[in-house]
PDB file of N, CA and C in Angstrom:
ATOM      1  N   UNK A   1     232.087 111.489 260.965  1.00  0.00           N
ATOM      2  CA  UNK A   1     233.064 111.239 259.994  1.00  0.00           C
ATOM      3  C   UNK A   1     232.602 110.848 258.478  1.00  0.00           C
ATOM      4  N   UNK A   2     232.894 111.508 257.468  1.00  0.00           N
ATOM      5  CA  UNK A   2     232.329 111.559 255.997  1.00  0.00           C
ATOM      6  C   UNK A   2     233.175 110.352 255.174  1.00  0.00           C
ATOM      7  N   UNK A   3     232.946 109.342 254.372  1.00  0.00           N
ATOM      8  CA  UNK A   3     233.982 108.994 253.852  1.00  0.00           C
ATOM      9  C   UNK A   3     234.023 109.333 252.247  1.00  0.00           C
ATOM     10  N   UNK A   4     233.356 110.577 252.165  1.00  0.00           N
ATOM     11  CA  UNK A   4     233.943 111.209 250.719  1.00  0.00           C
ATOM     12  C   UNK A   4     232.736 110.997 249.435  1.00  0.00           C
ATOM     13  N   UNK A   5     231.800 110.065 249.986  1.00  0.00           N
ATOM     14  CA  UNK A   5     230.684 109.993 248.683  1.00  0.00           C
ATOM     15  C   UNK A   5     229.687 110.878 248.751  1.00  0.00           C
ATOM     16  N   UNK A   6     229.227 111.065 247.401  1.00  0.00           N
ATOM     17  CA  UNK A   6     228.381 112.176 247.327  1.00  0.00           C
ATOM     18  C   UNK A   6     226.858 111.886 248.000  1.00  0.00           C
ATOM     19  N   UNK A   7     226.607 111.001 248.853  1.00  0.00           N
ATOM     20  CA  UNK A   7     225.186 110.402 249.355  1.00  0.00           C
ATOM     21  C   UNK A   7     225.614 111.052 250.439  1.00  0.00           C
ATOM     22  N   UNK A   8     226.673 111.691 251.139  1.00  0.00           N
ATOM     23  CA  UNK A   8     226.868 112.625 252.100  1.00  0.00           C
ATOM     24  C   UNK A   8     226.318 114.013 252.141  1.00  0.00           C
ATOM     25  N   UNK A   9     226.475 114.367 251.115  1.00  0.00           N
ATOM     26  CA  UNK A   9     226.010 115.793 250.471  1.00  0.00           C
ATOM     27  C   UNK A   9     225.138 116.459 250.817  1.00  0.00           C
ATOM     28  N   UNK A  10     223.936 115.436 250.420  1.00  0.00           N
ATOM     29  CA  UNK A  10     222.779 116.279 250.296  1.00  0.00           C
ATOM     30  C   UNK A  10     221.935 116.578 251.607  1.00  0.00           C
ATOM     31  N   UNK A  11     222.163 115.695 252.770  1.00  0.00           N
ATOM     32  CA  UNK A  11     221.401 115.345 253.968  1.00  0.00           C
ATOM     33  C   UNK A  11     222.071 116.947 254.578  1.00  0.00           C
ATOM     34  N   UNK A  12     223.604 117.024 254.500  1.00  0.00           N
ATOM     35  CA  UNK A  12     224.534 118.409 254.994  1.00  0.00           C
ATOM     36  C   UNK A  12     223.796 119.289 254.437  1.00  0.00           C
ATOM     37  N   UNK A  13     223.464 119.539 253.008  1.00  0.00           N
ATOM     38  CA  UNK A  13     222.820 120.601 252.571  1.00  0.00           C
ATOM     39  C   UNK A  13     221.808 121.342 253.040  1.00  0.00           C
ATOM     40  N   UNK A  14     220.859 120.111 252.833  1.00  0.00           N
ATOM     41  CA  UNK A  14     219.538 120.343 253.315  1.00  0.00           C
ATOM     42  C   UNK A  14     219.812 120.634 255.008  1.00  0.00           C
ATOM     43  N   UNK A  15     220.213 120.265 255.727  1.00  0.00           N
ATOM     44  CA  UNK A  15     220.529 120.810 257.097  1.00  0.00           C
ATOM     45  C   UNK A  15     220.883 122.184 257.211  1.00  0.00           C
ATOM     46  N   UNK A  16     221.711 122.569 256.252  1.00  0.00           N
ATOM     47  CA  UNK A  16     222.358 124.101 256.466  1.00  0.00           C
ATOM     48  C   UNK A  16     221.376 125.224 255.904  1.00  0.00           C
ATOM     49  N   UNK A  17     220.127 124.865 255.148  1.00  0.00           N
ATOM     50  CA  UNK A  17     218.631 125.643 254.589  1.00  0.00           C
ATOM     51  C   UNK A  17     217.804 125.366 255.546  1.00  0.00           C
ATOM     52  N   UNK A  18     217.956 124.167 256.332  1.00  0.00           N
ATOM     53  CA  UNK A  18     216.957 124.282 257.454  1.00  0.00           C
ATOM     54  C   UNK A  18     215.956 123.148 257.212  1.00  0.00           C
ATOM     55  N   UNK A  19     216.186 121.962 256.282  1.00  0.00           N
ATOM     56  CA  UNK A  19     215.706 121.098 256.022  1.00  0.00           C
ATOM     57  C   UNK A  19     215.970 120.029 257.004  1.00  0.00           C
ATOM     58  N   UNK A  20     215.170 119.351 257.713  1.00  0.00           N
ATOM     59  CA  UNK A  20     215.407 118.197 258.688  1.00  0.00           C
ATOM     60  C   UNK A  20     215.084 116.916 257.639  1.00  0.00           C
ATOM     61  N   UNK A  21     216.439 116.828 257.042  1.00  0.00           N
ATOM     62  CA  UNK A  21     216.425 115.327 256.298  1.00  0.00           C
ATOM     63  C   UNK A  21     216.009 113.894 257.158  1.00  0.00           C
ATOM     64  N   UNK A  22     216.499 113.869 258.212  1.00  0.00           N
ATOM     65  CA  UNK A  22     215.695 112.930 258.452  1.00  0.00           C
ATOM     66  C   UNK A  22     214.133 112.670 258.095  1.00  0.00           C
ATOM     67  N   UNK A  23     213.378 113.785 258.894  1.00  0.00           N
ATOM     68  CA  UNK A  23     211.850 113.764 258.526  1.00  0.00           C
ATOM     69  C   UNK A  23     211.522 113.778 256.930  1.00  0.00           C
ATOM     70  N   UNK A  24     212.189 113.750 255.869  1.00  0.00           N
ATOM     71  CA  UNK A  24     211.838 114.073 254.664  1.00  0.00           C
ATOM     72  C   UNK A  24     212.093 112.588 254.171  1.00  0.00           C
ATOM     73  N   UNK A  25     212.958 111.975 254.916  1.00  0.00           N
ATOM     74  CA  UNK A  25     213.518 110.490 254.456  1.00  0.00           C
ATOM     75  C   UNK A  25     212.395 109.717 255.010  1.00  0.00           C
ATOM     76  N   UNK A  26     211.805 110.116 255.896  1.00  0.00           N
ATOM     77  CA  UNK A  26     210.665 109.292 257.239  1.00  0.00           C
ATOM     78  C   UNK A  26     209.406 109.783 256.209  1.00  0.00           C
ATOM     79  N   UNK A  27     209.119 110.627 255.434  1.00  0.00           N
ATOM     80  CA  UNK A  27     207.929 111.083 255.087  1.00  0.00           C
ATOM     81  C   UNK A  27     208.142 110.187 253.533  1.00  0.00           C
ATOM     82  N   UNK A  28     209.074 110.594 252.602  1.00  0.00           N
ATOM     83  CA  UNK A  28     208.726 109.818 251.524  1.00  0.00           C
ATOM     84  C   UNK A  28     208.934 108.448 251.612  1.00  0.00           C
ATOM     85  N   UNK A  29     209.629 107.700 252.853  1.00  0.00           N
ATOM     86  CA  UNK A  29     209.334 106.372 253.214  1.00  0.00           C
ATOM     87  C   UNK A  29     208.113 106.095 253.320  1.00  0.00           C
ATOM     88  N   UNK A  30     207.174 106.513 254.138  1.00  0.00           N
ATOM     89  CA  UNK A  30     205.909 106.553 254.606  1.00  0.00           C
ATOM     90  C   UNK A  30     204.866 106.666 253.348  1.00  0.00           C
ATOM     91  N   UNK A  31     205.370 107.654 252.640  1.00  0.00           N
ATOM     92  CA  UNK A  31     204.490 108.026 251.109  1.00  0.00           C
ATOM     93  C   UNK A  31     204.344 106.792 250.635  1.00  0.00           C
ATOM     94  N   UNK A  32     205.623 106.370 249.758  1.00  0.00           N
ATOM     95  CA  UNK A  32     206.363 105.027 249.132  1.00  0.00           C
ATOM     96  C   UNK A  32     205.195 103.929 249.688  1.00  0.00           C
ATOM     97  N   UNK A  33     205.459 103.662 251.006  1.00  0.00           N
ATOM     98  CA  UNK A  33     204.736 102.139 251.714  1.00  0.00           C
ATOM     99  C   UNK A  33     203.362 102.293 251.166  1.00  0.00           C
ATOM    100  N   UNK A  34     202.722 103.831 251.637  1.00  0.00           N
ATOM    101  CA  UNK A  34     201.302 103.831 251.396  1.00  0.00           C
ATOM    102  C   UNK A  34     200.886 103.348 250.046  1.00  0.00           C
ATOM    103  N   UNK A  35     201.754 104.283 248.993  1.00  0.00           N
ATOM    104  CA  UNK A  35     201.236 104.003 247.619  1.00  0.00           C
ATOM    105  C   UNK A  35     201.672 102.286 247.089  1.00  0.00           C
ATOM    106  N   UNK A  36     202.555 101.540 247.696  1.00  0.00           N
ATOM    107  CA  UNK A  36     202.542 100.040 247.333  1.00  0.00           C
ATOM    108  C   UNK A  36     201.481  99.522 248.072  1.00  0.00           C
ATOM    109  N   UNK A  37     201.271 100.081 249.140  1.00  0.00           N
ATOM    110  CA  UNK A  37     200.005  99.274 249.846  1.00  0.00           C
ATOM    111  C   UNK A  37     198.766  99.225 249.253  1.00  0.00           C
ATOM    112  N   UNK A  38     198.440 100.515 248.940  1.00  0.00           N
ATOM    113  CA  UNK A  38     197.148 100.491 247.614  1.00  0.00           C
ATOM    114  C   UNK A  38     197.440  99.781 246.717  1.00  0.00           C
ATOM    115  N   UNK A  39     198.491 100.019 245.991  1.00  0.00           N
ATOM    116  CA  UNK A  39     198.840  99.279 244.932  1.00  0.00           C
ATOM    117  C   UNK A  39     198.595  97.969 244.969  1.00  0.00           C
ATOM    118  N   UNK A  40     199.015  97.266 245.811  1.00  0.00           N
ATOM    119  CA  UNK A  40     198.541  95.760 245.965  1.00  0.00           C
ATOM    120  C   UNK A  40     197.326  95.534 246.370  1.00  0.00           C
ATOM    121  N   UNK A  41     196.291  96.576 247.226  1.00  0.00           N
ATOM    122  CA  UNK A  41     195.194  96.371 247.458  1.00  0.00           C
ATOM    123  C   UNK A  41     194.252  96.252 246.089  1.00  0.00           C
ATOM    124  N   UNK A  42     194.558  97.210 245.513  1.00  0.00           N
ATOM    125  CA  UNK A  42     194.124  97.383 243.994  1.00  0.00           C
ATOM    126  C   UNK A  42     194.169  96.255 242.827  1.00  0.00           C
ATOM    127  N   UNK A  43     195.604  95.839 243.035  1.00  0.00           N
ATOM    128  CA  UNK A  43     195.882  94.646 241.933  1.00  0.00           C
ATOM    129  C   UNK A  43     195.021  93.360 242.696  1.00  0.00           C
ATOM    130  N   UNK A  44     194.787  93.201 243.823  1.00  0.00           N
ATOM    131  CA  UNK A  44     194.261  91.946 244.382  1.00  0.00           C
ATOM    132  C   UNK A  44     192.894  92.165 244.036  1.00  0.00           C
ATOM    133  N   UNK A  45     192.058  92.905 243.678  1.00  0.00           N
ATOM    134  CA  UNK A  45     190.703  93.085 243.142  1.00  0.00           C
ATOM    135  C   UNK A  45     190.423  92.550 241.475  1.00  0.00           C
ATOM    136  N   UNK A  46     192.118  92.465 240.754  1.00  0.00           N
ATOM    137  CA  UNK A  46     192.037  92.380 239.308  1.00  0.00           C
ATOM    138  C   UNK A  46     192.643  90.782 239.223  1.00  0.00           C
ATOM    139  N   UNK A  47     193.219  90.404 240.316  1.00  0.00           N
ATOM    140  CA  UNK A  47     194.044  89.144 240.293  1.00  0.00           C
ATOM    141  C   UNK A  47     193.801  88.126 241.819  1.00  0.00           C
ATOM    142  N   UNK A  48     194.103  86.917 241.736  1.00  0.00           N
ATOM    143  CA  UNK A  48     193.910  86.268 242.775  1.00  0.00           C
ATOM    144  C   UNK A  48     195.114  86.541 243.638  1.00  0.00           C
ATOM    145  N   UNK A  49     194.579  86.354 244.910  1.00  0.00           N
ATOM    146  CA  UNK A  49     195.830  86.715 245.952  1.00  0.00           C
ATOM    147  C   UNK A  49     196.506  85.605 246.418  1.00  0.00           C
ATOM    148  N   UNK A  50     197.724  85.633 246.085  1.00  0.00           N
ATOM    149  CA  UNK A  50     198.456  83.937 246.740  1.00  0.00           C
ATOM    150  C   UNK A  50     199.769  84.614 247.211  1.00  0.00           C
ATOM    151  N   UNK A  51     200.474  84.074 247.562  1.00  0.00           N
ATOM    152  CA  UNK A  51     202.154  84.657 248.428  1.00  0.00           C
ATOM    153  C   UNK A  51     202.755  84.868 247.362  1.00  0.00           C
ATOM    154  N   UNK A  52     202.891  84.315 246.445  1.00  0.00           N
ATOM    155  CA  UNK A  52     203.883  84.381 245.331  1.00  0.00           C
ATOM    156  C   UNK A  52     203.130  85.306 244.177  1.00  0.00           C
ATOM    157  N   UNK A  53     202.688  86.164 244.251  1.00  0.00           N
ATOM    158  CA  UNK A  53     201.641  86.865 243.435  1.00  0.00           C
ATOM    159  C   UNK A  53     202.822  88.205 242.538  1.00  0.00           C
ATOM    160  N   UNK A  54     203.793  88.397 242.905  1.00  0.00           N
ATOM    161  CA  UNK A  54     204.915  89.195 242.722  1.00  0.00           C
ATOM    162  C   UNK A  54     206.005  88.788 242.351  1.00  0.00           C
ATOM    163  N   UNK A  55     206.366  87.486 242.236  1.00  0.00           N
ATOM    164  CA  UNK A  55     207.573  86.356 242.592  1.00  0.00           C
ATOM    165  C   UNK A  55     208.380  87.053 240.898  1.00  0.00           C
ATOM    166  N   UNK A  56     207.452  86.852 240.181  1.00  0.00           N
ATOM    167  CA  UNK A  56     207.908  86.588 238.614  1.00  0.00           C
ATOM    168  C   UNK A  56     208.000  88.134 237.969  1.00  0.00           C
ATOM    169  N   UNK A  57     207.556  89.175 238.774  1.00  0.00           N
ATOM    170  CA  UNK A  57     208.162  90.885 238.035  1.00  0.00           C
ATOM    171  C   UNK A  57     208.978  90.589 238.925  1.00  0.00           C
ATOM    172  N   UNK A  58     209.440  90.191 239.946  1.00  0.00           N
ATOM    173  CA  UNK A  58     210.747  90.544 240.884  1.00  0.00           C
ATOM    174  C   UNK A  58     212.013  89.738 240.029  1.00  0.00           C
ATOM    175  N   UNK A  59     211.570  88.627 239.461  1.00  0.00           N
ATOM    176  CA  UNK A  59     212.473  87.622 238.940  1.00  0.00           C
ATOM    177  C   UNK A  59     212.997  88.521 237.384  1.00  0.00           C
ATOM    178  N   UNK A  60     211.907  89.160 236.780  1.00  0.00           N
ATOM    179  CA  UNK A  60     211.957  89.972 235.445  1.00  0.00           C
ATOM    180  C   UNK A  60     212.793  91.131 235.760  1.00  0.00           C
ATOM    181  N   UNK A  61     212.701  91.681 236.995  1.00  0.00           N
ATOM    182  CA  UNK A  61     213.297  93.036 237.123  1.00  0.00           C
ATOM    183  C   UNK A  61     214.835  92.685 237.443  1.00  0.00           C
ATOM    184  N   UNK A  62     215.099  91.467 238.249  1.00  0.00           N
ATOM    185  CA  UNK A  62     216.683  91.125 238.589  1.00  0.00           C
ATOM    186  C   UNK A  62     217.464  90.723 237.166  1.00  0.00           C
ATOM    187  N   UNK A  63     216.486  89.962 236.573  1.00  0.00           N
ATOM    188  CA  UNK A  63     217.239  89.629 235.160  1.00  0.00           C
ATOM    189  C   UNK A  63     217.348  90.762 234.151  1.00  0.00           C
ATOM    190  N   UNK A  64     216.331  91.872 234.491  1.00  0.00           N
ATOM    191  CA  UNK A  64     216.820  93.208 233.618  1.00  0.00           C
ATOM    192  C   UNK A  64     217.889  94.241 233.857  1.00  0.00           C
ATOM    193  N   UNK A  65     217.995  93.746 235.090  1.00  0.00           N
ATOM    194  CA  UNK A  65     218.978  94.808 235.861  1.00  0.00           C
ATOM    195  C   UNK A  65     220.609  94.146 235.702  1.00  0.00           C
ATOM    196  N   UNK A  66     220.159  92.700 235.829  1.00  0.00           N
ATOM    197  CA  UNK A  66     221.856  91.604 235.393  1.00  0.00           C
ATOM    198  C   UNK A  66     222.176  92.277 233.652  1.00  0.00           C
ATOM    199  N   UNK A  67     221.000  92.188 232.799  1.00  0.00           N
ATOM    200  CA  UNK A  67     221.083  92.512 231.730  1.00  0.00           C
ATOM    201  C   UNK A  67     222.278  93.829 231.107  1.00  0.00           C
ATOM    202  N   UNK A  68     221.538  94.456 232.011  1.00  0.00           N
ATOM    203  CA  UNK A  68     221.938  95.958 232.063  1.00  0.00           C
ATOM    204  C   UNK A  68     223.182  96.518 232.323  1.00  0.00           C
ATOM    205  N   UNK A  69     223.565  95.788 233.566  1.00  0.00           N
ATOM    206  CA  UNK A  69     224.507  96.395 234.493  1.00  0.00           C
ATOM    207  C   UNK A  69     224.234  96.555 235.913  1.00  0.00           C
ATOM    208  N   UNK A  70     224.631  95.619 236.723  1.00  0.00           N
ATOM    209  CA  UNK A  70     224.362  95.717 238.073  1.00  0.00           C
ATOM    210  C   UNK A  70     225.122  97.333 238.558  1.00  0.00           C
ATOM    211  N   UNK A  71     224.143  98.085 239.436  1.00  0.00           N
ATOM    212  CA  UNK A  71     224.579  99.777 239.525  1.00  0.00           C
ATOM    213  C   UNK A  71     224.524 100.707 238.853  1.00  0.00           C
ATOM    214  N   UNK A  72     223.999 100.236 237.381  1.00  0.00           N
ATOM    215  CA  UNK A  72     223.512 101.422 236.177  1.00  0.00           C
ATOM    216  C   UNK A  72     222.312 101.168 235.772  1.00  0.00           C
ATOM    217  N   UNK A  73     221.513 102.717 236.560  1.00  0.00           N
ATOM    218  CA  UNK A  73     220.412 102.864 236.343  1.00  0.00           C
ATOM    219  C   UNK A  73     219.734 102.891 234.678  1.00  0.00           C
ATOM    220  N   UNK A  74     220.841 103.347 234.217  1.00  0.00           N
ATOM    221  CA  UNK A  74     220.166 103.731 232.594  1.00  0.00           C
ATOM    222  C   UNK A  74     220.131 102.200 232.137  1.00  0.00           C
ATOM    223  N   UNK A  75     221.478 101.524 232.598  1.00  0.00           N
ATOM    224  CA  UNK A  75     221.570  99.782 232.409  1.00  0.00           C
ATOM    225  C   UNK A  75     220.577  99.315 232.201  1.00  0.00           C
ATOM    226  N   UNK A  76     219.768  99.564 233.603  1.00  0.00           N
ATOM    227  CA  UNK A  76     218.789  98.799 234.100  1.00  0.00           C
ATOM    228  C   UNK A  76     217.294  99.085 233.264  1.00  0.00           C
ATOM    229  N   UNK A  77     217.341 100.207 232.720  1.00  0.00           N
ATOM    230  CA  UNK A  77     216.127 100.516 231.904  1.00  0.00           C
ATOM    231  C   UNK A  77     216.629  99.800 230.649  1.00  0.00           C
ATOM    232  N   UNK A  78     217.500  99.834 230.266  1.00  0.00           N
ATOM    233  CA  UNK A  78     217.987  99.120 228.930  1.00  0.00           C
ATOM    234  C   UNK A  78     217.953  97.957 228.575  1.00  0.00           C
ATOM    235  N   UNK A  79     217.999  97.202 229.996  1.00  0.00           N
ATOM    236  CA  UNK A  79     217.991  96.105 230.099  1.00  0.00           C
ATOM    237  C   UNK A  79     216.548  95.554 230.103  1.00  0.00           C
ATOM    238  N   UNK A  80     215.758  96.211 230.591  1.00  0.00           N
ATOM    239  CA  UNK A  80     214.396  96.020 230.776  1.00  0.00           C
ATOM    240  C   UNK A  80     213.629  96.033 229.451  1.00  0.00           C
ATOM    241  N   UNK A  81     214.105  96.947 228.655  1.00  0.00           N
ATOM    242  CA  UNK A  81     213.526  97.124 227.126  1.00  0.00           C
ATOM    243  C   UNK A  81     213.997  96.101 226.313  1.00  0.00           C
ATOM    244  N   UNK A  82     215.524  95.745 226.396  1.00  0.00           N
ATOM    245  CA  UNK A  82     215.852  94.396 225.623  1.00  0.00           C
ATOM    246  C   UNK A  82     215.194  93.034 226.145  1.00  0.00           C
ATOM    247  N   UNK A  83     214.955  93.175 227.329  1.00  0.00           N
ATOM    248  CA  UNK A  83     214.196  91.823 227.903  1.00  0.00           C
ATOM    249  C   UNK A  83     213.023  91.982 227.375  1.00  0.00           C
ATOM    250  N   UNK A  84     211.837  93.274 227.220  1.00  0.00           N
ATOM    251  CA  UNK A  84     210.548  92.873 227.233  1.00  0.00           C
ATOM    252  C   UNK A  84     210.494  92.709 225.638  1.00  0.00           C
ATOM    253  N   UNK A  85     211.440  93.104 225.088  1.00  0.00           N
ATOM    254  CA  UNK A  85     211.663  93.405 223.433  1.00  0.00           C
ATOM    255  C   UNK A  85     211.615  91.835 223.192  1.00  0.00           C
ATOM    256  N   UNK A  86     212.723  91.249 223.412  1.00  0.00           N
ATOM    257  CA  UNK A  86     213.353  89.691 223.131  1.00  0.00           C
ATOM    258  C   UNK A  86     211.963  89.070 223.636  1.00  0.00           C
ATOM    259  N   UNK A  87     211.453  89.115 224.471  1.00  0.00           N
ATOM    260  CA  UNK A  87     210.502  87.798 225.015  1.00  0.00           C
ATOM    261  C   UNK A  87     209.416  88.222 223.975  1.00  0.00           C
ATOM    262  N   UNK A  88     208.815  89.338 223.998  1.00  0.00           N
ATOM    263  CA  UNK A  88     207.752  89.591 222.866  1.00  0.00           C
ATOM    264  C   UNK A  88     207.918  89.550 221.811  1.00  0.00           C
ATOM    265  N   UNK A  89     208.934  89.331 221.003  1.00  0.00           N
ATOM    266  CA  UNK A  89     209.456  88.481 219.998  1.00  0.00           C
ATOM    267  C   UNK A  89     209.441  87.511 219.796  1.00  0.00           C
ATOM    268  N   UNK A  90     209.988  86.951 220.788  1.00  0.00           N
ATOM    269  CA  UNK A  90     210.469  85.108 220.664  1.00  0.00           C
ATOM    270  C   UNK A  90     209.010  84.814 220.575  1.00  0.00           C
ATOM    271  N   UNK A  91     207.767  85.257 221.469  1.00  0.00           N
ATOM    272  CA  UNK A  91     206.673  84.382 221.388  1.00  0.00           C
ATOM    273  C   UNK A  91     205.696  84.538 220.253  1.00  0.00           C
ATOM    274  N   UNK A  92     206.143  85.682 219.446  1.00  0.00           N
ATOM    275  CA  UNK A  92     205.742  85.816 218.208  1.00  0.00           C
ATOM    276  C   UNK A  92     205.695  84.727 217.051  1.00  0.00           C
ATOM    277  N   UNK A  93     206.486  83.711 217.460  1.00  0.00           N
ATOM    278  CA  UNK A  93     207.296  82.478 216.835  1.00  0.00           C
ATOM    279  C   UNK A  93     206.715  81.240 217.554  1.00  0.00           C
ATOM    280  N   UNK A  94     206.880  81.246 218.824  1.00  0.00           N
ATOM    281  CA  UNK A  94     206.475  79.966 219.556  1.00  0.00           C
ATOM    282  C   UNK A  94     205.493  80.465 220.726  1.00  0.00           C
ATOM    283  N   UNK A  95     205.369  79.715 221.317  1.00  0.00           N
ATOM    284  CA  UNK A  95     204.161  79.829 222.508  1.00  0.00           C
ATOM    285  C   UNK A  95     204.643  80.604 223.701  1.00  0.00           C
ATOM    286  N   UNK A  96     203.105  81.387 223.998  1.00  0.00           N
ATOM    287  CA  UNK A  96     203.677  82.036 224.940  1.00  0.00           C
ATOM    288  C   UNK A  96     203.973  81.473 226.408  1.00  0.00           C
ATOM    289  N   UNK A  97     203.930  80.262 226.299  1.00  0.00           N
ATOM    290  CA  UNK A  97     204.237  79.521 227.800  1.00  0.00           C
ATOM    291  C   UNK A  97     205.800  79.541 228.120  1.00  0.00           C
ATOM    292  N   UNK A  98     206.415  79.740 226.366  1.00  0.00           N
ATOM    293  CA  UNK A  98     208.018  79.816 226.756  1.00  0.00           C
ATOM    294  C   UNK A  98     208.536  81.235 227.298  1.00  0.00           C
ATOM    295  N   UNK A  99     207.748  82.305 227.847  1.00  0.00           N
ATOM    296  CA  UNK A  99     208.417  83.768 228.096  1.00  0.00           C
ATOM    297  C   UNK A  99     209.409  83.723 228.835  1.00  0.00           C
ATOM    298  N   UNK A 100     208.972  82.889 229.872  1.00  0.00           N
ATOM    299  CA  UNK A 100     209.877  82.880 230.925  1.00  0.00           C
ATOM    300  C   UNK A 100     211.094  82.322 230.537  1.00  0.00           C
ATOM    301  N   UNK A 101     211.188  81.248 229.720  1.00  0.00           N
ATOM    302  CA  UNK A 101     212.222  80.201 229.549  1.00  0.00           C
ATOM    303  C   UNK A 101     213.197  81.348 228.412  1.00  0.00           C
ATOM    304  N   UNK A 102     212.579  82.396 227.653  1.00  0.00           N
ATOM    305  CA  UNK A 102     213.558  82.862 226.927  1.00  0.00           C
ATOM    306  C   UNK A 102     214.062  84.082 227.876  1.00  0.00           C
ATOM    307  N   UNK A 103     213.414  84.761 229.030  1.00  0.00           N
ATOM    308  CA  UNK A 103     214.359  85.540 229.757  1.00  0.00           C
ATOM    309  C   UNK A 103     215.243  85.214 230.364  1.00  0.00           C
ATOM    310  N   UNK A 104     215.019  83.462 230.928  1.00  0.00           N
ATOM    311  CA  UNK A 104     216.429  82.619 231.974  1.00  0.00           C
ATOM    312  C   UNK A 104     217.410  82.553 230.425  1.00  0.00           C
ATOM    313  N   UNK A 105     217.163  82.262 229.223  1.00  0.00           N
ATOM    314  CA  UNK A 105     218.132  81.705 228.383  1.00  0.00           C
ATOM    315  C   UNK A 105     218.830  83.115 227.943  1.00  0.00           C
ATOM    316  N   UNK A 106     218.355  84.287 228.051  1.00  0.00           N
ATOM    317  CA  UNK A 106     218.793  85.561 227.578  1.00  0.00           C
ATOM    318  C   UNK A 106     220.220  85.878 228.928  1.00  0.00           C
ATOM    319  N   UNK A 107     219.108  85.798 230.020  1.00  0.00           N
ATOM    320  CA  UNK A 107     220.145  85.623 231.291  1.00  0.00           C
ATOM    321  C   UNK A 107     221.438  85.090 231.100  1.00  0.00           C
ATOM    322  N   UNK A 108     221.466  83.611 230.894  1.00  0.00           N
ATOM    323  CA  UNK A 108     222.268  82.452 230.809  1.00  0.00           C
ATOM    324  C   UNK A 108     223.501  83.039 229.836  1.00  0.00           C
ATOM    325  N   UNK A 109     222.959  83.394 228.747  1.00  0.00           N
ATOM    326  CA  UNK A 109     223.633  84.145 227.395  1.00  0.00           C
ATOM    327  C   UNK A 109     224.634  85.197 227.948  1.00  0.00           C
ATOM    328  N   UNK A 110     223.893  86.144 228.543  1.00  0.00           N
ATOM    329  CA  UNK A 110     224.743  86.995 228.841  1.00  0.00           C
ATOM    330  C   UNK A 110     225.739  87.009 230.543  1.00  0.00           C
ATOM    331  N   UNK A 111     225.080  86.514 230.954  1.00  0.00           N
ATOM    332  CA  UNK A 111     226.421  85.899 232.025  1.00  0.00           C
ATOM    333  C   UNK A 111     227.617  84.946 232.029  1.00  0.00           C
ATOM    334  N   UNK A 112     227.167  84.333 230.584  1.00  0.00           N
ATOM    335  CA  UNK A 112     228.282  83.337 230.021  1.00  0.00           C
ATOM    336  C   UNK A 112     229.573  84.753 229.354  1.00  0.00           C
ATOM    337  N   UNK A 113     228.523  85.302 228.435  1.00  0.00           N
ATOM    338  CA  UNK A 113     229.264  85.947 227.460  1.00  0.00           C
ATOM    339  C   UNK A 113     229.952  87.564 227.931  1.00  0.00           C
ATOM    340  N   UNK A 114     228.919  88.175 228.531  1.00  0.00           N
ATOM    341  CA  UNK A 114     229.105  89.112 229.071  1.00  0.00           C
ATOM    342  C   UNK A 114     228.531  89.981 230.385  1.00  0.00           C
ATOM    343  N   UNK A 115     229.119  89.103 231.392  1.00  0.00           N
ATOM    344  CA  UNK A 115     228.565  88.956 232.786  1.00  0.00           C
ATOM    345  C   UNK A 115     228.582  90.575 233.755  1.00  0.00           C
ATOM    346  N   UNK A 116     229.124  91.545 232.897  1.00  0.00           N
ATOM    347  CA  UNK A 116     229.062  92.887 233.408  1.00  0.00           C
ATOM    348  C   UNK A 116     227.879  93.437 233.095  1.00  0.00           C
ATOM    349  N   UNK A 117     227.264  93.065 231.980  1.00  0.00           N
ATOM    350  CA  UNK A 117     225.912  93.605 231.181  1.00  0.00           C
ATOM    351  C   UNK A 117     226.568  94.715 230.333  1.00  0.00           C
ATOM    352  N   UNK A 118     225.311  95.164 229.723  1.00  0.00           N
ATOM    353  CA  UNK A 118     225.263  96.090 228.708  1.00  0.00           C
ATOM    354  C   UNK A 118     225.992  97.359 229.273  1.00  0.00           C
ATOM    355  N   UNK A 119     225.703  98.132 230.263  1.00  0.00           N
ATOM    356  CA  UNK A 119     226.455  99.410 230.491  1.00  0.00           C
ATOM    357  C   UNK A 119     227.132  99.081 231.935  1.00  0.00           C
ATOM    358  N   UNK A 120     227.177  97.879 232.466  1.00  0.00           N
ATOM    359  CA  UNK A 120     228.188  97.963 233.808  1.00  0.00           C
ATOM    360  C   UNK A 120     229.623  98.183 233.260  1.00  0.00           C
ATOM    361  N   UNK A 121     230.601  98.069 234.506  1.00  0.00           N
ATOM    362  CA  UNK A 121     231.906  98.291 234.254  1.00  0.00           C
ATOM    363  C   UNK A 121     232.446  96.670 234.711  1.00  0.00           C
ATOM    364  N   UNK A 122     233.482  96.593 233.608  1.00  0.00           N
ATOM    365  CA  UNK A 122     234.187  95.384 233.535  1.00  0.00           C
ATOM    366  C   UNK A 122     235.092  95.715 234.703  1.00  0.00           C
ATOM    367  N   UNK A 123     235.113  94.722 235.753  1.00  0.00           N
ATOM    368  CA  UNK A 123     236.342  94.469 237.059  1.00  0.00           C
ATOM    369  C   UNK A 123     237.291  93.847 236.531  1.00  0.00           C
ATOM    370  N   UNK A 124     238.491  93.905 236.820  1.00  0.00           N
ATOM    371  CA  UNK A 124     239.258  93.502 236.632  1.00  0.00           C
ATOM    372  C   UNK A 124     239.722  92.422 237.851  1.00  0.00           C
ATOM    373  N   UNK A 125     240.198  91.233 237.615  1.00  0.00           N
ATOM    374  CA  UNK A 125     240.027  89.846 238.941  1.00  0.00           C
ATOM    375  C   UNK A 125     241.499  90.735 239.865  1.00  0.00           C
ATOM    376  N   UNK A 126     240.708  90.329 241.090  1.00  0.00           N
ATOM    377  CA  UNK A 126     241.711  90.745 242.186  1.00  0.00           C
ATOM    378  C   UNK A 126     242.647  89.447 242.629  1.00  0.00           C
ATOM    379  N   UNK A 127     243.787  89.895 242.868  1.00  0.00           N
ATOM    380  CA  UNK A 127     245.050  88.866 243.480  1.00  0.00           C
ATOM    381  C   UNK A 127     245.214  88.682 244.764  1.00  0.00           C
ATOM    382  N   UNK A 128     244.997  87.754 245.195  1.00  0.00           N
ATOM    383  CA  UNK A 128     244.986  87.387 246.940  1.00  0.00           C
ATOM    384  C   UNK A 128     246.716  87.909 246.905  1.00  0.00           C
TER     385      UNK A 128
END
């Protein structure tokens, strides 16, 4: 049974023309995982390996996603550009050690003033 979302349509359409969607999903997941593993190995040659080595990039991605609007891919891209520009213009006048603090200050400002982000959709409050 389908729920009417557009995510149900491509596997059905692929199945109709003879493409096995489960095999394609598995293959793309395997290729993506292999590329991520290779990237991890290559980056380990350049930097020290430690358990938290990707945590900073993960936090910046989450902040960019919140700034741009959760659920909006163009908003996340816009949020990433805005965050990168603000951080680099900020360290132009102050020390580079404050780069993460600038990112979190921007996040707090956005959460206080515009919590749905640049391109996010403002949701009405639900009543019980």
